[in-house]
Amino acid sequence: MRNPFIPSQSRVCELANLVMIFGVTAAGLFAAIAALLVQVAR
């Protein structure tokens, strides 16, 4: 029986993982920049 906790090595899964990581990183950077702009605008 396969261990469900070992991630798959398929290309689709790797691509989805990269998109998720970069998407979350970009969202965090955008939120930080927006928060800085709000602070500077006051």
PDB file of N, CA and C in Angstrom:
ATOM      1  N   MET A   1       0.838  -1.199   0.000  1.00  0.00           N
ATOM      2  CA  MET A   1       0.000   0.000   0.000  1.00  0.00           C
ATOM      3  C   MET A   1       0.873   1.249   0.000  1.00  0.00           C
ATOM      4  N   ARG A   2       0.465   2.241  -0.797  1.00  0.00           N
ATOM      5  CA  ARG A   2       1.217   3.492  -0.890  1.00  0.00           C
ATOM      6  C   ARG A   2       1.002   4.361   0.341  1.00  0.00           C
ATOM      7  N   ASN A   3       2.043   5.059   0.747  1.00  0.00           N
ATOM      8  CA  ASN A   3       1.935   5.995   1.853  1.00  0.00           C
ATOM      9  C   ASN A   3       1.315   7.293   1.333  1.00  0.00           C
ATOM     10  N   PRO A   4       0.150   7.713   1.835  1.00  0.00           N
ATOM     11  CA  PRO A   4      -0.492   8.932   1.314  1.00  0.00           C
ATOM     12  C   PRO A   4       0.219  10.217   1.711  1.00  0.00           C
ATOM     13  N   PHE A   5       1.176  10.140   2.633  1.00  0.00           N
ATOM     14  CA  PHE A   5       1.861  11.345   3.091  1.00  0.00           C
ATOM     15  C   PHE A   5       3.107  11.659   2.268  1.00  0.00           C
ATOM     16  N   ILE A   6       3.482  10.781   1.362  1.00  0.00           N
ATOM     17  CA  ILE A   6       4.607  11.056   0.471  1.00  0.00           C
ATOM     18  C   ILE A   6       4.042  11.747  -0.768  1.00  0.00           C
ATOM     19  N   PRO A   7       4.509  12.979  -1.051  1.00  0.00           N
ATOM     20  CA  PRO A   7       3.931  13.709  -2.180  1.00  0.00           C
ATOM     21  C   PRO A   7       4.247  13.053  -3.516  1.00  0.00           C
ATOM     22  N   SER A   8       3.356  13.239  -4.448  1.00  0.00           N
ATOM     23  CA  SER A   8       3.533  12.694  -5.791  1.00  0.00           C
ATOM     24  C   SER A   8       4.597  13.487  -6.534  1.00  0.00           C
ATOM     25  N   GLN A   9       5.276  12.831  -7.444  1.00  0.00           N
ATOM     26  CA  GLN A   9       6.330  13.487  -8.210  1.00  0.00           C
ATOM     27  C   GLN A   9       5.879  13.842  -9.625  1.00  0.00           C
ATOM     28  N   SER A  10       4.584  13.855  -9.871  1.00  0.00           N
ATOM     29  CA  SER A  10       4.116  14.163 -11.219  1.00  0.00           C
ATOM     30  C   SER A  10       4.354  15.631 -11.533  1.00  0.00           C
ATOM     31  N   ARG A  11       4.471  15.944 -12.825  1.00  0.00           N
ATOM     32  CA  ARG A  11       4.747  17.313 -13.256  1.00  0.00           C
ATOM     33  C   ARG A  11       3.598  18.247 -12.910  1.00  0.00           C
ATOM     34  N   VAL A  12       2.376  17.765 -13.010  1.00  0.00           N
ATOM     35  CA  VAL A  12       1.221  18.614 -12.710  1.00  0.00           C
ATOM     36  C   VAL A  12       1.236  19.017 -11.244  1.00  0.00           C
ATOM     37  N   CYS A  13       1.559  18.077 -10.376  1.00  0.00           N
ATOM     38  CA  CYS A  13       1.593  18.384  -8.941  1.00  0.00           C
ATOM     39  C   CYS A  13       2.724  19.354  -8.615  1.00  0.00           C
ATOM     40  N   GLU A  14       3.883  19.164  -9.241  1.00  0.00           N
ATOM     41  CA  GLU A  14       4.993  20.079  -8.999  1.00  0.00           C
ATOM     42  C   GLU A  14       4.657  21.481  -9.486  1.00  0.00           C
ATOM     43  N   LEU A  15       4.020  21.583 -10.650  1.00  0.00           N
ATOM     44  CA  LEU A  15       3.636  22.886 -11.186  1.00  0.00           C
ATOM     45  C   LEU A  15       2.603  23.556 -10.279  1.00  0.00           C
ATOM     46  N   ALA A  16       1.623  22.798  -9.829  1.00  0.00           N
ATOM     47  CA  ALA A  16       0.610  23.353  -8.935  1.00  0.00           C
ATOM     48  C   ALA A  16       1.241  23.817  -7.626  1.00  0.00           C
ATOM     49  N   ASN A  17       2.202  23.069  -7.123  1.00  0.00           N
ATOM     50  CA  ASN A  17       2.891  23.435  -5.893  1.00  0.00           C
ATOM     51  C   ASN A  17       3.647  24.746  -6.080  1.00  0.00           C
ATOM     52  N   LEU A  18       4.363  24.893  -7.208  1.00  0.00           N
ATOM     53  CA  LEU A  18       5.095  26.129  -7.474  1.00  0.00           C
ATOM     54  C   LEU A  18       4.144  27.313  -7.603  1.00  0.00           C
ATOM     55  N   VAL A  19       3.041  27.124  -8.311  1.00  0.00           N
ATOM     56  CA  VAL A  19       2.069  28.213  -8.476  1.00  0.00           C
ATOM     57  C   VAL A  19       1.513  28.626  -7.123  1.00  0.00           C
ATOM     58  N   MET A  20       1.218  27.643  -6.263  1.00  0.00           N
ATOM     59  CA  MET A  20       0.689  27.945  -4.940  1.00  0.00           C
ATOM     60  C   MET A  20       1.709  28.721  -4.107  1.00  0.00           C
ATOM     61  N   ILE A  21       2.971  28.267  -4.124  1.00  0.00           N
ATOM     62  CA  ILE A  21       4.009  28.924  -3.328  1.00  0.00           C
ATOM     63  C   ILE A  21       4.211  30.364  -3.801  1.00  0.00           C
ATOM     64  N   PHE A  22       4.356  30.565  -5.129  1.00  0.00           N
ATOM     65  CA  PHE A  22       4.592  31.906  -5.624  1.00  0.00           C
ATOM     66  C   PHE A  22       3.358  32.785  -5.473  1.00  0.00           C
ATOM     67  N   GLY A  23       2.180  32.203  -5.570  1.00  0.00           N
ATOM     68  CA  GLY A  23       0.954  32.976  -5.381  1.00  0.00           C
ATOM     69  C   GLY A  23       0.823  33.486  -3.960  1.00  0.00           C
ATOM     70  N   VAL A  24       1.107  32.633  -2.996  1.00  0.00           N
ATOM     71  CA  VAL A  24       1.031  33.041  -1.589  1.00  0.00           C
ATOM     72  C   VAL A  24       2.102  34.081  -1.295  1.00  0.00           C
ATOM     73  N   THR A  25       3.306  33.898  -1.844  1.00  0.00           N
ATOM     74  CA  THR A  25       4.384  34.863  -1.637  1.00  0.00           C
ATOM     75  C   THR A  25       4.018  36.213  -2.239  1.00  0.00           C
ATOM     76  N   ALA A  26       3.489  36.212  -3.461  1.00  0.00           N
ATOM     77  CA  ALA A  26       3.099  37.462  -4.108  1.00  0.00           C
ATOM     78  C   ALA A  26       1.977  38.142  -3.338  1.00  0.00           C
ATOM     79  N   ALA A  27       1.017  37.377  -2.830  1.00  0.00           N
ATOM     80  CA  ALA A  27      -0.078  37.961  -2.058  1.00  0.00           C
ATOM     81  C   ALA A  27       0.450  38.602  -0.770  1.00  0.00           C
ATOM     82  N   GLY A  28       1.404  37.946  -0.129  1.00  0.00           N
ATOM     83  CA  GLY A  28       1.997  38.510   1.082  1.00  0.00           C
ATOM     84  C   GLY A  28       2.750  39.797   0.806  1.00  0.00           C
ATOM     85  N   LEU A  29       3.524  39.819  -0.276  1.00  0.00           N
ATOM     86  CA  LEU A  29       4.245  41.038  -0.643  1.00  0.00           C
ATOM     87  C   LEU A  29       3.276  42.163  -0.981  1.00  0.00           C
ATOM     88  N   PHE A  30       2.232  41.842  -1.721  1.00  0.00           N
ATOM     89  CA  PHE A  30       1.241  42.854  -2.083  1.00  0.00           C
ATOM     90  C   PHE A  30       0.565  43.417  -0.830  1.00  0.00           C
ATOM     91  N   ALA A  31       0.237  42.557   0.116  1.00  0.00           N
ATOM     92  CA  ALA A  31      -0.394  43.015   1.355  1.00  0.00           C
ATOM     93  C   ALA A  31       0.555  43.903   2.156  1.00  0.00           C
ATOM     94  N   ALA A  32       1.837  43.543   2.195  1.00  0.00           N
ATOM     95  CA  ALA A  32       2.810  44.354   2.929  1.00  0.00           C
ATOM     96  C   ALA A  32       2.973  45.726   2.276  1.00  0.00           C
ATOM     97  N   ILE A  33       3.048  45.753   0.953  1.00  0.00           N
ATOM     98  CA  ILE A  33       3.182  47.033   0.242  1.00  0.00           C
ATOM     99  C   ILE A  33       1.931  47.879   0.447  1.00  0.00           C
ATOM    100  N   ALA A  34       0.760  47.264   0.377  1.00  0.00           N
ATOM    101  CA  ALA A  34      -0.485  48.006   0.590  1.00  0.00           C
ATOM    102  C   ALA A  34      -0.534  48.578   2.004  1.00  0.00           C
ATOM    103  N   ALA A  35      -0.108  47.806   2.990  1.00  0.00           N
ATOM    104  CA  ALA A  35      -0.106  48.292   4.368  1.00  0.00           C
ATOM    105  C   ALA A  35       0.865  49.462   4.527  1.00  0.00           C
ATOM    106  N   LEU A  36       2.018  49.377   3.889  1.00  0.00           N
ATOM    107  CA  LEU A  36       2.983  50.483   3.933  1.00  0.00           C
ATOM    108  C   LEU A  36       2.411  51.737   3.291  1.00  0.00           C
ATOM    109  N   LEU A  37       1.759  51.572   2.145  1.00  0.00           N
ATOM    110  CA  LEU A  37       1.175  52.732   1.467  1.00  0.00           C
ATOM    111  C   LEU A  37       0.084  53.374   2.302  1.00  0.00           C
ATOM    112  N   VAL A  38      -0.704  52.572   2.988  1.00  0.00           N
ATOM    113  CA  VAL A  38      -1.754  53.120   3.850  1.00  0.00           C
ATOM    114  C   VAL A  38      -1.123  53.914   4.999  1.00  0.00           C
ATOM    115  N   GLN A  39      -0.036  53.406   5.558  1.00  0.00           N
ATOM    116  CA  GLN A  39       0.628  54.100   6.662  1.00  0.00           C
ATOM    117  C   GLN A  39       1.246  55.415   6.186  1.00  0.00           C
ATOM    118  N   VAL A  40       1.826  55.410   4.986  1.00  0.00           N
ATOM    119  CA  VAL A  40       2.480  56.609   4.465  1.00  0.00           C
ATOM    120  C   VAL A  40       1.433  57.649   4.063  1.00  0.00           C
ATOM    121  N   ALA A  41       0.281  57.205   3.585  1.00  0.00           N
ATOM    122  CA  ALA A  41      -0.755  58.130   3.123  1.00  0.00           C
ATOM    123  C   ALA A  41      -1.395  58.899   4.276  1.00  0.00           C
ATOM    124  N   ARG A  42      -1.302  58.390   5.489  1.00  0.00           N
ATOM    125  CA  ARG A  42      -1.907  59.089   6.630  1.00  0.00           C
ATOM    126  C   ARG A  42      -1.087  60.265   7.055  1.00  0.00           C
TER     127      ARG A  42
END
